[in-house]
Amino acid sequence: MQRIGFDEALALYEEDLFELGGTADSIRREMHGKKTYFNINRHINPTNICKDVCKFCAYSASRKNPNPYAMSHEEILSIVDDIVSRDIKEVHIVSAHNPETGLQWYLDIFRKIKEKYPQLHVKALTAAEVNFLAEEYGKSYDEILDLMVENGVDSMPGGGAEIFDEKVRDYICKGKVSSEQWLQIHRKWHERGKKSNVTMLFGHVEERRHRIDHMMRIRDLQDETGGFNCFIPLVYQPENNFLNIREFITANEILKTMALSRIVLDNVPNLKAYWVTSTVNLALVAQEFGANDLDGTIEKESINSAAGAKSANGVDLEEFVHLIRESGFVPVERDSLYNELKVW
C-alpha cells in the first residue's frame, strides 16, 4: 500500500466508519493476524506533587485534587516485592514533576528494583519527566538518559507527547516539554539502542488536522530511528480538570482516529487501544479498527482514574483473556518489547 500524505490522511476522516475500519483491519491482519497482545504489568505512580499545571490533568495535586502524596522507596519496593511474587513481568513508573523528590530519588529506586529483581522490566520516566529533571538539575538530556540506563531503566513510556501542535500545547500544557524537545529525547533514547512508545492525547480542544500532524511527526522520527514499539492514542478524560470540555468525543470519532493511526503509521509495528482511557469494551471493538494491543492488566492506575477513567484497580487476568477470546481474537501475552510469551 502506498504511503499517504497529510491531505489524503485528513480526507479519510470523511470516509464511512466501516470502510475506514476495513482498510485498517486488513493492514492489522497482514501484520498480526488475529493476535491481540497484552502484558501482565503494574503501574506505580510515586508522587502527584507537580510544578506544572496542565489544564487536562486531574492527577497532580491542585485545588481539583487536594491530596498531595509522595511514596517512600520502602513503599515502592514493597509493591514490587508483591508483584514479582505473582510473576508480573513489568513495572511502569510514571508520576508528576516533583522538585522535592529529586533526580537521585528516582535513580536510587530504579537501581534498587533492578538489583533485587534483574529479570523485571523497568519502564520509566516520560520525556516530560526527563525534560523536567534536566532543567531542574542543570543537566543535558544525554546525561539524564545515560543515568537512567546505568540505573536499570529498560524502556521509556510514551507519555507527555499530548498533541505536538505548539498552539494547542501552549493552551493545554504551557511550560511543559515542547514537541521538539519530546521528539529529541526519544531520538536520543533510540540512539542508545533502547525502545520507547509514543502517545497522543485527543478528544479535547485539538482538531483532526492536529492529530494527523502528530502522526506524521511520529512517522518521520520512526523512519529515522525505528525505535518506537507502539503508538497509543489516549482518549481525553473529562472529569476534575481545568479544560472544562462540555462535549465528549464520540465512539465513532475514537474508532476513526484508531483506524487512521494504523493507516498513517505504516512503520510503527503496534497500535494500542489503551483500555484505561477508552473502556475495555471500546478497546476490544478497536481491535477490528486496526489496533492489535490492549496494554495489560495494570492492577492499579492513578493518573487517568483521577479524571474519571474506570481503571483504578486494573483488570483480572482471566477476565482479560476471556474478553479477548470472546471478541474473536487470539490472546497473546507479550513482554514489554513485544516478544511473545504465551498464546492463551
C-alpha atoms as a PDB file:
ATOM      1  CA  MET A   1       0.000   0.000   0.000  1.00  0.00           C
ATOM      2  CA  GLN A   2       1.360   3.395  -0.977  1.00  0.00           C
ATOM      3  CA  ARG A   3       2.249   5.744   1.879  1.00  0.00           C
ATOM      4  CA  ILE A   4      -0.325   8.507   2.295  1.00  0.00           C
ATOM      5  CA  GLY A   5       0.344  12.200   2.801  1.00  0.00           C
ATOM      6  CA  PHE A   6      -1.194  14.753   5.162  1.00  0.00           C
ATOM      7  CA  ASP A   7      -4.092  15.949   2.959  1.00  0.00           C
ATOM      8  CA  GLU A   8      -5.053  12.425   1.964  1.00  0.00           C
ATOM      9  CA  ALA A   9      -4.995  11.258   5.580  1.00  0.00           C
ATOM     10  CA  LEU A  10      -7.127  14.183   6.712  1.00  0.00           C
ATOM     11  CA  ALA A  11      -9.652  13.479   3.939  1.00  0.00           C
ATOM     12  CA  LEU A  12     -10.002   9.875   5.174  1.00  0.00           C
ATOM     13  CA  TYR A  13     -11.826  11.193   8.248  1.00  0.00           C
ATOM     14  CA  GLU A  14     -14.786  11.860   5.911  1.00  0.00           C
ATOM     15  CA  GLU A  15     -14.968   8.213   4.842  1.00  0.00           C
ATOM     16  CA  ASP A  16     -17.584   5.809   6.131  1.00  0.00           C
ATOM     17  CA  LEU A  17     -16.520   4.442   9.518  1.00  0.00           C
ATOM     18  CA  PHE A  18     -16.758   0.803   8.470  1.00  0.00           C
ATOM     19  CA  GLU A  19     -14.912   1.310   5.176  1.00  0.00           C
ATOM     20  CA  LEU A  20     -12.122   3.030   7.067  1.00  0.00           C
ATOM     21  CA  GLY A  21     -12.165   0.281   9.672  1.00  0.00           C
ATOM     22  CA  GLY A  22     -11.984  -2.372   6.945  1.00  0.00           C
ATOM     23  CA  THR A  23      -8.859  -0.791   5.457  1.00  0.00           C
ATOM     24  CA  ALA A  24      -7.191  -0.572   8.871  1.00  0.00           C
ATOM     25  CA  ASP A  25      -8.242  -4.117   9.752  1.00  0.00           C
ATOM     26  CA  SER A  26      -6.698  -5.530   6.567  1.00  0.00           C
ATOM     27  CA  ILE A  27      -3.375  -3.863   7.482  1.00  0.00           C
ATOM     28  CA  ARG A  28      -3.650  -5.208  11.022  1.00  0.00           C
ATOM     29  CA  ARG A  29      -4.362  -8.765   9.787  1.00  0.00           C
ATOM     30  CA  GLU A  30      -1.402  -8.614   7.423  1.00  0.00           C
ATOM     31  CA  MET A  31       0.867  -7.561  10.301  1.00  0.00           C
ATOM     32  CA  HIS A  32      -0.548  -9.548  13.227  1.00  0.00           C
ATOM     33  CA  GLY A  33      -3.314 -11.883  12.060  1.00  0.00           C
ATOM     34  CA  LYS A  34      -5.956 -12.262  14.785  1.00  0.00           C
ATOM     35  CA  LYS A  35      -3.495 -11.869  17.665  1.00  0.00           C
ATOM     36  CA  THR A  36      -4.299  -9.335  20.367  1.00  0.00           C
ATOM     37  CA  TYR A  37      -1.343  -8.603  22.615  1.00  0.00           C
ATOM     38  CA  PHE A  38      -1.320  -7.766  26.294  1.00  0.00           C
ATOM     39  CA  ASN A  39       1.161  -7.964  29.144  1.00  0.00           C
ATOM     40  CA  ILE A  40       0.917  -8.619  32.851  1.00  0.00           C
ATOM     41  CA  ASN A  41       2.046  -5.335  34.310  1.00  0.00           C
ATOM     42  CA  ARG A  42       1.717  -2.997  37.258  1.00  0.00           C
ATOM     43  CA  HIS A  43       1.645   0.799  37.182  1.00  0.00           C
ATOM     44  CA  ILE A  44       3.224   2.686  40.084  1.00  0.00           C
ATOM     45  CA  ASN A  45       2.670   6.442  40.269  1.00  0.00           C
ATOM     46  CA  PRO A  46       5.077   7.510  43.061  1.00  0.00           C
ATOM     47  CA  THR A  47       4.039  11.159  43.541  1.00  0.00           C
ATOM     48  CA  ASN A  48       1.349  13.607  42.420  1.00  0.00           C
ATOM     49  CA  ILE A  49       3.137  16.797  43.512  1.00  0.00           C
ATOM     50  CA  CYS A  50       3.888  18.739  40.326  1.00  0.00           C
ATOM     51  CA  LYS A  51       5.454  22.080  39.459  1.00  0.00           C
ATOM     52  CA  ASP A  52       3.441  22.196  36.195  1.00  0.00           C
ATOM     53  CA  VAL A  53      -0.270  22.907  35.858  1.00  0.00           C
ATOM     54  CA  CYS A  54      -1.582  21.134  32.750  1.00  0.00           C
ATOM     55  CA  LYS A  55      -5.220  22.007  32.151  1.00  0.00           C
ATOM     56  CA  PHE A  56      -6.174  18.450  31.183  1.00  0.00           C
ATOM     57  CA  CYS A  57      -4.628  16.822  34.273  1.00  0.00           C
ATOM     58  CA  ALA A  58      -6.701  15.627  37.236  1.00  0.00           C
ATOM     59  CA  TYR A  59      -3.865  13.678  38.821  1.00  0.00           C
ATOM     60  CA  SER A  60      -1.454  16.318  40.097  1.00  0.00           C
ATOM     61  CA  ALA A  61      -2.146  17.889  43.488  1.00  0.00           C
ATOM     62  CA  SER A  62      -4.193  21.058  42.937  1.00  0.00           C
ATOM     63  CA  ARG A  63      -7.439  22.601  44.093  1.00  0.00           C
ATOM     64  CA  LYS A  64      -9.194  19.940  41.972  1.00  0.00           C
ATOM     65  CA  ASN A  65      -7.199  17.188  43.691  1.00  0.00           C
ATOM     66  CA  PRO A  66      -6.171  18.450  47.134  1.00  0.00           C
ATOM     67  CA  ASN A  67      -4.449  15.223  48.263  1.00  0.00           C
ATOM     68  CA  PRO A  68      -0.692  15.519  47.683  1.00  0.00           C
ATOM     69  CA  TYR A  69       1.470  12.441  48.251  1.00  0.00           C
ATOM     70  CA  ALA A  70       4.971  11.096  47.670  1.00  0.00           C
ATOM     71  CA  MET A  71       5.747   7.422  48.211  1.00  0.00           C
ATOM     72  CA  SER A  72       8.858   6.256  50.041  1.00  0.00           C
ATOM     73  CA  HIS A  73      11.309   3.805  48.490  1.00  0.00           C
ATOM     74  CA  GLU A  74      10.133   1.251  51.044  1.00  0.00           C
ATOM     75  CA  GLU A  75       6.521   1.616  49.885  1.00  0.00           C
ATOM     76  CA  ILE A  76       7.526   1.229  46.229  1.00  0.00           C
ATOM     77  CA  LEU A  77       9.752  -1.795  46.926  1.00  0.00           C
ATOM     78  CA  SER A  78       7.012  -3.479  48.911  1.00  0.00           C
ATOM     79  CA  ILE A  79       4.694  -3.180  45.855  1.00  0.00           C
ATOM     80  CA  VAL A  80       7.486  -4.553  43.661  1.00  0.00           C
ATOM     81  CA  ASP A  81       8.068  -7.491  46.049  1.00  0.00           C
ATOM     82  CA  ASP A  82       4.368  -8.311  45.805  1.00  0.00           C
ATOM     83  CA  ILE A  83       4.127  -8.128  42.006  1.00  0.00           C
ATOM     84  CA  VAL A  84       7.250 -10.228  41.445  1.00  0.00           C
ATOM     85  CA  SER A  85       5.856 -12.906  43.788  1.00  0.00           C
ATOM     86  CA  ARG A  86       2.894 -13.113  41.388  1.00  0.00           C
ATOM     87  CA  ASP A  87       5.054 -13.327  38.257  1.00  0.00           C
ATOM     88  CA  ILE A  88       4.253  -9.856  36.943  1.00  0.00           C
ATOM     89  CA  LYS A  89       6.778  -9.009  34.225  1.00  0.00           C
ATOM     90  CA  GLU A  90       6.781  -5.199  34.010  1.00  0.00           C
ATOM     91  CA  VAL A  91       6.696  -2.270  36.391  1.00  0.00           C
ATOM     92  CA  HIS A  92       5.670   1.031  34.805  1.00  0.00           C
ATOM     93  CA  ILE A  93       6.817   4.045  36.854  1.00  0.00           C
ATOM     94  CA  VAL A  94       5.456   7.454  35.866  1.00  0.00           C
ATOM     95  CA  SER A  95       4.475  10.390  38.036  1.00  0.00           C
ATOM     96  CA  ALA A  96       4.424  14.163  38.409  1.00  0.00           C
ATOM     97  CA  HIS A  97       7.234  16.735  38.204  1.00  0.00           C
ATOM     98  CA  ASN A  98       8.040  16.937  41.911  1.00  0.00           C
ATOM     99  CA  PRO A  99      11.016  19.188  42.756  1.00  0.00           C
ATOM    100  CA  GLU A 100      11.152  17.701  46.265  1.00  0.00           C
ATOM    101  CA  THR A 101      11.745  14.028  45.386  1.00  0.00           C
ATOM    102  CA  GLY A 102      14.653  14.759  43.081  1.00  0.00           C
ATOM    103  CA  LEU A 103      16.776  13.044  40.450  1.00  0.00           C
ATOM    104  CA  GLN A 104      18.721  10.838  42.865  1.00  0.00           C
ATOM    105  CA  TRP A 105      15.452   9.640  44.419  1.00  0.00           C
ATOM    106  CA  TYR A 106      14.403   8.247  41.021  1.00  0.00           C
ATOM    107  CA  LEU A 107      17.807   6.780  40.159  1.00  0.00           C
ATOM    108  CA  ASP A 108      18.075   5.060  43.540  1.00  0.00           C
ATOM    109  CA  ILE A 109      14.675   3.386  43.277  1.00  0.00           C
ATOM    110  CA  PHE A 110      15.404   2.164  39.730  1.00  0.00           C
ATOM    111  CA  ARG A 111      18.738   0.736  40.898  1.00  0.00           C
ATOM    112  CA  LYS A 112      17.204  -0.907  43.986  1.00  0.00           C
ATOM    113  CA  ILE A 113      14.484  -2.579  41.884  1.00  0.00           C
ATOM    114  CA  LYS A 114      16.967  -3.810  39.276  1.00  0.00           C
ATOM    115  CA  GLU A 115      19.495  -5.089  41.819  1.00  0.00           C
ATOM    116  CA  LYS A 116      16.809  -7.088  43.602  1.00  0.00           C
ATOM    117  CA  TYR A 117      14.904  -8.250  40.507  1.00  0.00           C
ATOM    118  CA  PRO A 118      17.153  -8.132  37.416  1.00  0.00           C
ATOM    119  CA  GLN A 119      14.510 -10.021  35.385  1.00  0.00           C
ATOM    120  CA  LEU A 120      11.807  -7.356  35.943  1.00  0.00           C
ATOM    121  CA  HIS A 121      11.376  -4.926  33.036  1.00  0.00           C
ATOM    122  CA  VAL A 122      11.504  -1.331  34.287  1.00  0.00           C
ATOM    123  CA  LYS A 123       9.589   1.072  32.051  1.00  0.00           C
ATOM    124  CA  ALA A 124      10.002   4.546  33.481  1.00  0.00           C
ATOM    125  CA  LEU A 125      10.108   8.318  33.035  1.00  0.00           C
ATOM    126  CA  THR A 126       8.262  10.055  30.246  1.00  0.00           C
ATOM    127  CA  ALA A 127      10.092  12.580  28.069  1.00  0.00           C
ATOM    128  CA  ALA A 128       8.265  15.271  30.066  1.00  0.00           C
ATOM    129  CA  GLU A 129       9.879  13.945  33.265  1.00  0.00           C
ATOM    130  CA  VAL A 130      13.293  13.727  31.564  1.00  0.00           C
ATOM    131  CA  ASN A 131      12.954  17.360  30.447  1.00  0.00           C
ATOM    132  CA  PHE A 132      11.868  18.419  33.951  1.00  0.00           C
ATOM    133  CA  LEU A 133      14.826  16.652  35.601  1.00  0.00           C
ATOM    134  CA  ALA A 134      17.289  18.066  33.044  1.00  0.00           C
ATOM    135  CA  GLU A 135      16.054  21.626  33.692  1.00  0.00           C
ATOM    136  CA  GLU A 136      15.834  21.186  37.461  1.00  0.00           C
ATOM    137  CA  TYR A 137      19.381  19.810  37.804  1.00  0.00           C
ATOM    138  CA  GLY A 138      21.154  21.683  35.007  1.00  0.00           C
ATOM    139  CA  LYS A 139      21.945  18.514  33.082  1.00  0.00           C
ATOM    140  CA  SER A 140      21.733  17.664  29.384  1.00  0.00           C
ATOM    141  CA  TYR A 141      19.243  15.139  28.052  1.00  0.00           C
ATOM    142  CA  ASP A 142      22.192  12.859  27.268  1.00  0.00           C
ATOM    143  CA  GLU A 143      23.314  12.938  30.888  1.00  0.00           C
ATOM    144  CA  ILE A 144      19.837  12.144  32.238  1.00  0.00           C
ATOM    145  CA  LEU A 145      19.283   9.318  29.732  1.00  0.00           C
ATOM    146  CA  ASP A 146      22.702   7.792  30.471  1.00  0.00           C
ATOM    147  CA  LEU A 147      21.919   7.869  34.205  1.00  0.00           C
ATOM    148  CA  MET A 148      18.598   6.125  33.524  1.00  0.00           C
ATOM    149  CA  VAL A 149      20.344   3.351  31.576  1.00  0.00           C
ATOM    150  CA  GLU A 150      23.083   2.992  34.222  1.00  0.00           C
ATOM    151  CA  ASN A 151      20.489   2.610  36.967  1.00  0.00           C
ATOM    152  CA  GLY A 152      18.348  -0.007  35.280  1.00  0.00           C
ATOM    153  CA  VAL A 153      15.648   1.631  33.142  1.00  0.00           C
ATOM    154  CA  ASP A 154      14.873  -0.722  30.237  1.00  0.00           C
ATOM    155  CA  SER A 155      12.416   1.284  28.136  1.00  0.00           C
ATOM    156  CA  MET A 156      10.561   4.587  28.116  1.00  0.00           C
ATOM    157  CA  PRO A 157       6.785   5.051  28.102  1.00  0.00           C
ATOM    158  CA  GLY A 158       5.210   7.369  25.559  1.00  0.00           C
ATOM    159  CA  GLY A 159       3.574   9.886  27.897  1.00  0.00           C
ATOM    160  CA  GLY A 160       3.937  13.657  27.695  1.00  0.00           C
ATOM    161  CA  ALA A 161       3.503  13.773  23.915  1.00  0.00           C
ATOM    162  CA  GLU A 162      -0.095  15.074  24.255  1.00  0.00           C
ATOM    163  CA  ILE A 163      -0.553  16.892  20.907  1.00  0.00           C
ATOM    164  CA  PHE A 164       2.564  18.123  19.099  1.00  0.00           C
ATOM    165  CA  ASP A 165       0.966  21.277  17.669  1.00  0.00           C
ATOM    166  CA  GLU A 166       2.559  24.065  19.716  1.00  0.00           C
ATOM    167  CA  LYS A 167      -0.509  26.349  19.785  1.00  0.00           C
ATOM    168  CA  VAL A 168      -2.681  23.590  21.236  1.00  0.00           C
ATOM    169  CA  ARG A 169       0.161  22.582  23.534  1.00  0.00           C
ATOM    170  CA  ASP A 170       0.557  26.149  24.735  1.00  0.00           C
ATOM    171  CA  TYR A 171      -3.108  26.150  25.731  1.00  0.00           C
ATOM    172  CA  ILE A 172      -3.365  22.753  27.420  1.00  0.00           C
ATOM    173  CA  CYS A 173       0.103  22.312  28.985  1.00  0.00           C
ATOM    174  CA  LYS A 174       2.077  25.568  28.840  1.00  0.00           C
ATOM    175  CA  GLY A 175       5.570  25.258  30.295  1.00  0.00           C
ATOM    176  CA  LYS A 176       5.797  21.506  29.815  1.00  0.00           C
ATOM    177  CA  VAL A 177       8.265  19.813  27.449  1.00  0.00           C
ATOM    178  CA  SER A 178       7.851  21.158  23.889  1.00  0.00           C
ATOM    179  CA  SER A 179       7.064  18.873  20.963  1.00  0.00           C
ATOM    180  CA  GLU A 180      10.583  19.298  19.543  1.00  0.00           C
ATOM    181  CA  GLN A 181      12.127  18.514  22.926  1.00  0.00           C
ATOM    182  CA  TRP A 182       9.897  15.440  23.314  1.00  0.00           C
ATOM    183  CA  LEU A 183      10.968  14.116  19.909  1.00  0.00           C
ATOM    184  CA  GLN A 184      14.624  14.946  20.590  1.00  0.00           C
ATOM    185  CA  ILE A 185      14.595  12.998  23.887  1.00  0.00           C
ATOM    186  CA  HIS A 186      13.100   9.919  22.209  1.00  0.00           C
ATOM    187  CA  ARG A 187      15.551  10.223  19.305  1.00  0.00           C
ATOM    188  CA  LYS A 188      18.436  10.189  21.801  1.00  0.00           C
ATOM    189  CA  TRP A 189      16.917   7.239  23.674  1.00  0.00           C
ATOM    190  CA  HIS A 190      16.608   5.283  20.426  1.00  0.00           C
ATOM    191  CA  GLU A 191      20.233   6.138  19.558  1.00  0.00           C
ATOM    192  CA  ARG A 192      21.192   4.234  22.729  1.00  0.00           C
ATOM    193  CA  GLY A 193      19.611   1.115  21.254  1.00  0.00           C
ATOM    194  CA  LYS A 194      16.569   1.429  23.524  1.00  0.00           C
ATOM    195  CA  LYS A 195      12.876   1.223  22.655  1.00  0.00           C
ATOM    196  CA  SER A 196      10.011   3.505  23.625  1.00  0.00           C
ATOM    197  CA  ASN A 197       6.332   4.095  22.995  1.00  0.00           C
ATOM    198  CA  VAL A 198       4.545   7.242  21.821  1.00  0.00           C
ATOM    199  CA  THR A 199       1.151   8.586  22.824  1.00  0.00           C
ATOM    200  CA  MET A 200      -1.340  11.145  21.514  1.00  0.00           C
ATOM    201  CA  LEU A 201      -3.939  12.742  23.767  1.00  0.00           C
ATOM    202  CA  PHE A 202      -7.061  13.517  21.736  1.00  0.00           C
ATOM    203  CA  GLY A 203     -10.697  14.453  22.241  1.00  0.00           C
ATOM    204  CA  HIS A 204     -10.169  17.827  23.959  1.00  0.00           C
ATOM    205  CA  VAL A 205      -9.552  21.127  22.100  1.00  0.00           C
ATOM    206  CA  GLU A 206      -7.467  19.757  19.219  1.00  0.00           C
ATOM    207  CA  GLU A 207      -8.792  19.391  15.660  1.00  0.00           C
ATOM    208  CA  ARG A 208      -8.470  16.474  13.289  1.00  0.00           C
ATOM    209  CA  ARG A 209      -5.603  18.176  11.433  1.00  0.00           C
ATOM    210  CA  HIS A 210      -3.620  18.345  14.671  1.00  0.00           C
ATOM    211  CA  ARG A 211      -3.959  14.587  15.131  1.00  0.00           C
ATOM    212  CA  ILE A 212      -2.731  13.899  11.595  1.00  0.00           C
ATOM    213  CA  ASP A 213       0.189  16.312  12.077  1.00  0.00           C
ATOM    214  CA  HIS A 214       1.055  14.451  15.287  1.00  0.00           C
ATOM    215  CA  MET A 215       1.076  11.100  13.470  1.00  0.00           C
ATOM    216  CA  MET A 216       3.214  12.489  10.631  1.00  0.00           C
ATOM    217  CA  ARG A 217       5.881  13.704  13.054  1.00  0.00           C
ATOM    218  CA  ILE A 218       5.962  10.265  14.675  1.00  0.00           C
ATOM    219  CA  ARG A 219       6.286   8.609  11.265  1.00  0.00           C
ATOM    220  CA  ASP A 220       9.208  10.883  10.358  1.00  0.00           C
ATOM    221  CA  LEU A 221      11.144  10.083  13.543  1.00  0.00           C
ATOM    222  CA  GLN A 222      10.386   6.367  13.175  1.00  0.00           C
ATOM    223  CA  ASP A 223      11.818   6.462   9.628  1.00  0.00           C
ATOM    224  CA  GLU A 224      14.983   7.873  11.188  1.00  0.00           C
ATOM    225  CA  THR A 225      15.389   5.647  14.280  1.00  0.00           C
ATOM    226  CA  GLY A 226      12.970   2.685  14.185  1.00  0.00           C
ATOM    227  CA  GLY A 227      12.797   2.961  17.973  1.00  0.00           C
ATOM    228  CA  PHE A 228       9.046   3.170  18.611  1.00  0.00           C
ATOM    229  CA  ASN A 229       7.432  -0.119  19.604  1.00  0.00           C
ATOM    230  CA  CYS A 230       3.887   1.131  19.805  1.00  0.00           C
ATOM    231  CA  PHE A 231       1.576   4.084  19.174  1.00  0.00           C
ATOM    232  CA  ILE A 232      -1.038   4.744  21.865  1.00  0.00           C
ATOM    233  CA  PRO A 233      -3.897   7.171  21.123  1.00  0.00           C
ATOM    234  CA  LEU A 234      -5.184   8.234  24.557  1.00  0.00           C
ATOM    235  CA  VAL A 235      -8.779   9.406  24.879  1.00  0.00           C
ATOM    236  CA  TYR A 236      -9.014  12.583  26.972  1.00  0.00           C
ATOM    237  CA  GLN A 237     -10.791  12.074  30.320  1.00  0.00           C
ATOM    238  CA  PRO A 238     -13.121  14.982  31.139  1.00  0.00           C
ATOM    239  CA  GLU A 239     -13.563  14.942  34.923  1.00  0.00           C
ATOM    240  CA  ASN A 240     -11.823  17.028  37.622  1.00  0.00           C
ATOM    241  CA  ASN A 241      -9.612  19.189  35.430  1.00  0.00           C
ATOM    242  CA  PHE A 242      -9.425  22.723  34.074  1.00  0.00           C
ATOM    243  CA  LEU A 243     -10.235  22.246  30.379  1.00  0.00           C
ATOM    244  CA  ASN A 244     -13.985  22.116  31.016  1.00  0.00           C
ATOM    245  CA  ILE A 245     -14.798  20.238  27.817  1.00  0.00           C
ATOM    246  CA  ARG A 246     -18.585  20.069  27.525  1.00  0.00           C
ATOM    247  CA  GLU A 247     -18.999  17.641  24.617  1.00  0.00           C
ATOM    248  CA  PHE A 248     -17.230  14.317  24.999  1.00  0.00           C
ATOM    249  CA  ILE A 249     -15.717  12.732  21.871  1.00  0.00           C
ATOM    250  CA  THR A 250     -17.906  10.073  20.218  1.00  0.00           C
ATOM    251  CA  ALA A 251     -17.057   6.393  19.840  1.00  0.00           C
ATOM    252  CA  ASN A 252     -17.299   6.921  16.065  1.00  0.00           C
ATOM    253  CA  GLU A 253     -14.550   9.579  16.197  1.00  0.00           C
ATOM    254  CA  ILE A 254     -12.380   7.442  18.501  1.00  0.00           C
ATOM    255  CA  LEU A 255     -12.592   4.445  16.153  1.00  0.00           C
ATOM    256  CA  LYS A 256     -11.900   6.596  13.071  1.00  0.00           C
ATOM    257  CA  THR A 257      -8.813   8.006  14.788  1.00  0.00           C
ATOM    258  CA  MET A 258      -7.678   4.492  15.687  1.00  0.00           C
ATOM    259  CA  ALA A 259      -8.131   3.297  12.097  1.00  0.00           C
ATOM    260  CA  LEU A 260      -6.320   6.327  10.691  1.00  0.00           C
ATOM    261  CA  SER A 261      -3.444   5.702  13.090  1.00  0.00           C
ATOM    262  CA  ARG A 262      -2.973   2.226  11.649  1.00  0.00           C
ATOM    263  CA  ILE A 263      -3.148   3.518   8.071  1.00  0.00           C
ATOM    264  CA  VAL A 264      -0.796   6.506   8.562  1.00  0.00           C
ATOM    265  CA  LEU A 265       1.775   4.889  10.852  1.00  0.00           C
ATOM    266  CA  ASP A 266       2.916   2.227   8.426  1.00  0.00           C
ATOM    267  CA  ASN A 267       6.313   1.961  10.153  1.00  0.00           C
ATOM    268  CA  VAL A 268       5.191   1.612  13.803  1.00  0.00           C
ATOM    269  CA  PRO A 269       4.583  -2.095  14.411  1.00  0.00           C
ATOM    270  CA  ASN A 270       1.953  -1.977  17.152  1.00  0.00           C
ATOM    271  CA  LEU A 271      -1.175   0.078  17.790  1.00  0.00           C
ATOM    272  CA  LYS A 272      -2.548   0.031  21.314  1.00  0.00           C
ATOM    273  CA  ALA A 273      -6.170   0.606  22.247  1.00  0.00           C
ATOM    274  CA  TYR A 274      -5.420   1.649  25.821  1.00  0.00           C
ATOM    275  CA  TRP A 275      -8.467   0.314  27.643  1.00  0.00           C
ATOM    276  CA  VAL A 276      -7.817   2.648  30.591  1.00  0.00           C
ATOM    277  CA  THR A 277      -8.917   5.709  28.611  1.00  0.00           C
ATOM    278  CA  SER A 278     -11.375   4.124  26.171  1.00  0.00           C
ATOM    279  CA  THR A 279     -13.075   1.458  28.372  1.00  0.00           C
ATOM    280  CA  VAL A 280     -12.381  -2.257  27.861  1.00  0.00           C
ATOM    281  CA  ASN A 281     -15.389  -2.705  25.558  1.00  0.00           C
ATOM    282  CA  LEU A 282     -14.409   0.037  23.126  1.00  0.00           C
ATOM    283  CA  ALA A 283     -10.770  -1.116  23.207  1.00  0.00           C
ATOM    284  CA  LEU A 284     -11.948  -4.560  22.131  1.00  0.00           C
ATOM    285  CA  VAL A 285     -14.018  -3.082  19.282  1.00  0.00           C
ATOM    286  CA  ALA A 286     -10.902  -1.094  18.274  1.00  0.00           C
ATOM    287  CA  GLN A 287      -9.162  -4.431  17.602  1.00  0.00           C
ATOM    288  CA  GLU A 288     -11.324  -4.529  14.460  1.00  0.00           C
ATOM    289  CA  PHE A 289     -10.268  -0.986  13.529  1.00  0.00           C
ATOM    290  CA  GLY A 290      -6.506  -1.519  13.332  1.00  0.00           C
ATOM    291  CA  ALA A 291      -5.454  -1.967  16.966  1.00  0.00           C
ATOM    292  CA  ASN A 292      -3.588  -5.130  17.976  1.00  0.00           C
ATOM    293  CA  ASP A 293      -2.758  -4.428  21.634  1.00  0.00           C
ATOM    294  CA  LEU A 294      -4.689  -3.647  24.827  1.00  0.00           C
ATOM    295  CA  ASP A 295      -1.782  -2.770  27.189  1.00  0.00           C
ATOM    296  CA  GLY A 296      -2.130  -5.043  30.195  1.00  0.00           C
ATOM    297  CA  THR A 297      -3.758  -5.997  33.452  1.00  0.00           C
ATOM    298  CA  ILE A 298      -2.268  -2.840  35.114  1.00  0.00           C
ATOM    299  CA  GLU A 299      -3.527  -3.741  38.626  1.00  0.00           C
ATOM    300  CA  LYS A 300      -3.576  -0.141  39.866  1.00  0.00           C
ATOM    301  CA  GLU A 301      -3.689   3.138  37.985  1.00  0.00           C
ATOM    302  CA  SER A 302      -3.921   6.639  39.465  1.00  0.00           C
ATOM    303  CA  ILE A 303      -3.450   9.183  36.677  1.00  0.00           C
ATOM    304  CA  ASN A 304      -6.394   8.574  34.322  1.00  0.00           C
ATOM    305  CA  SER A 305      -8.693   7.275  37.042  1.00  0.00           C
ATOM    306  CA  ALA A 306      -8.365  10.671  38.759  1.00  0.00           C
ATOM    307  CA  ALA A 307     -10.046  12.153  35.671  1.00  0.00           C
ATOM    308  CA  GLY A 308     -12.897   9.659  35.587  1.00  0.00           C
ATOM    309  CA  ALA A 309     -11.453   6.559  33.882  1.00  0.00           C
ATOM    310  CA  LYS A 310     -12.607   3.247  35.388  1.00  0.00           C
ATOM    311  CA  SER A 311      -9.062   1.946  35.740  1.00  0.00           C
ATOM    312  CA  ALA A 312      -8.144   2.355  39.398  1.00  0.00           C
ATOM    313  CA  ASN A 313      -7.858  -1.374  40.105  1.00  0.00           C
ATOM    314  CA  GLY A 314      -6.932  -2.873  36.759  1.00  0.00           C
ATOM    315  CA  VAL A 315      -8.499  -5.970  35.193  1.00  0.00           C
ATOM    316  CA  ASP A 316      -8.292  -9.575  36.355  1.00  0.00           C
ATOM    317  CA  LEU A 317      -6.068 -11.703  34.073  1.00  0.00           C
ATOM    318  CA  GLU A 318      -8.601 -14.481  33.466  1.00  0.00           C
ATOM    319  CA  GLU A 319     -11.311 -11.943  32.638  1.00  0.00           C
ATOM    320  CA  PHE A 320      -8.919 -10.135  30.274  1.00  0.00           C
ATOM    321  CA  VAL A 321      -8.137 -13.339  28.381  1.00  0.00           C
ATOM    322  CA  HIS A 322     -11.823 -14.311  28.272  1.00  0.00           C
ATOM    323  CA  LEU A 323     -12.881 -10.912  26.871  1.00  0.00           C
ATOM    324  CA  ILE A 324     -10.267 -11.053  24.097  1.00  0.00           C
ATOM    325  CA  ARG A 325     -11.257 -14.591  23.131  1.00  0.00           C
ATOM    326  CA  GLU A 326     -14.980 -13.803  23.188  1.00  0.00           C
ATOM    327  CA  SER A 327     -14.309 -10.887  20.828  1.00  0.00           C
ATOM    328  CA  GLY A 328     -12.938 -13.310  18.235  1.00  0.00           C
ATOM    329  CA  PHE A 329      -9.232 -12.650  18.761  1.00  0.00           C
ATOM    330  CA  VAL A 330      -6.324 -14.766  19.982  1.00  0.00           C
ATOM    331  CA  PRO A 331      -5.000 -13.528  23.368  1.00  0.00           C
ATOM    332  CA  VAL A 332      -1.196 -13.380  23.294  1.00  0.00           C
ATOM    333  CA  GLU A 333       0.762 -12.473  26.409  1.00  0.00           C
ATOM    334  CA  ARG A 334       3.857 -10.481  25.441  1.00  0.00           C
ATOM    335  CA  ASP A 335       6.798  -8.977  27.221  1.00  0.00           C
ATOM    336  CA  SER A 336       7.446  -5.237  27.244  1.00  0.00           C
ATOM    337  CA  LEU A 337       9.313  -5.400  23.921  1.00  0.00           C
ATOM    338  CA  TYR A 338       6.606  -7.458  22.152  1.00  0.00           C
ATOM    339  CA  ASN A 339       8.298 -10.842  22.336  1.00  0.00           C
ATOM    340  CA  GLU A 340       5.526 -13.451  22.563  1.00  0.00           C
ATOM    341  CA  LEU A 341       5.474 -15.300  25.899  1.00  0.00           C
ATOM    342  CA  LYS A 342       2.267 -17.318  25.797  1.00  0.00           C
ATOM    343  CA  VAL A 343      -0.640 -17.855  23.421  1.00  0.00           C
ATOM    344  CA  TRP A 344      -3.756 -18.350  25.542  1.00  0.00           C
END
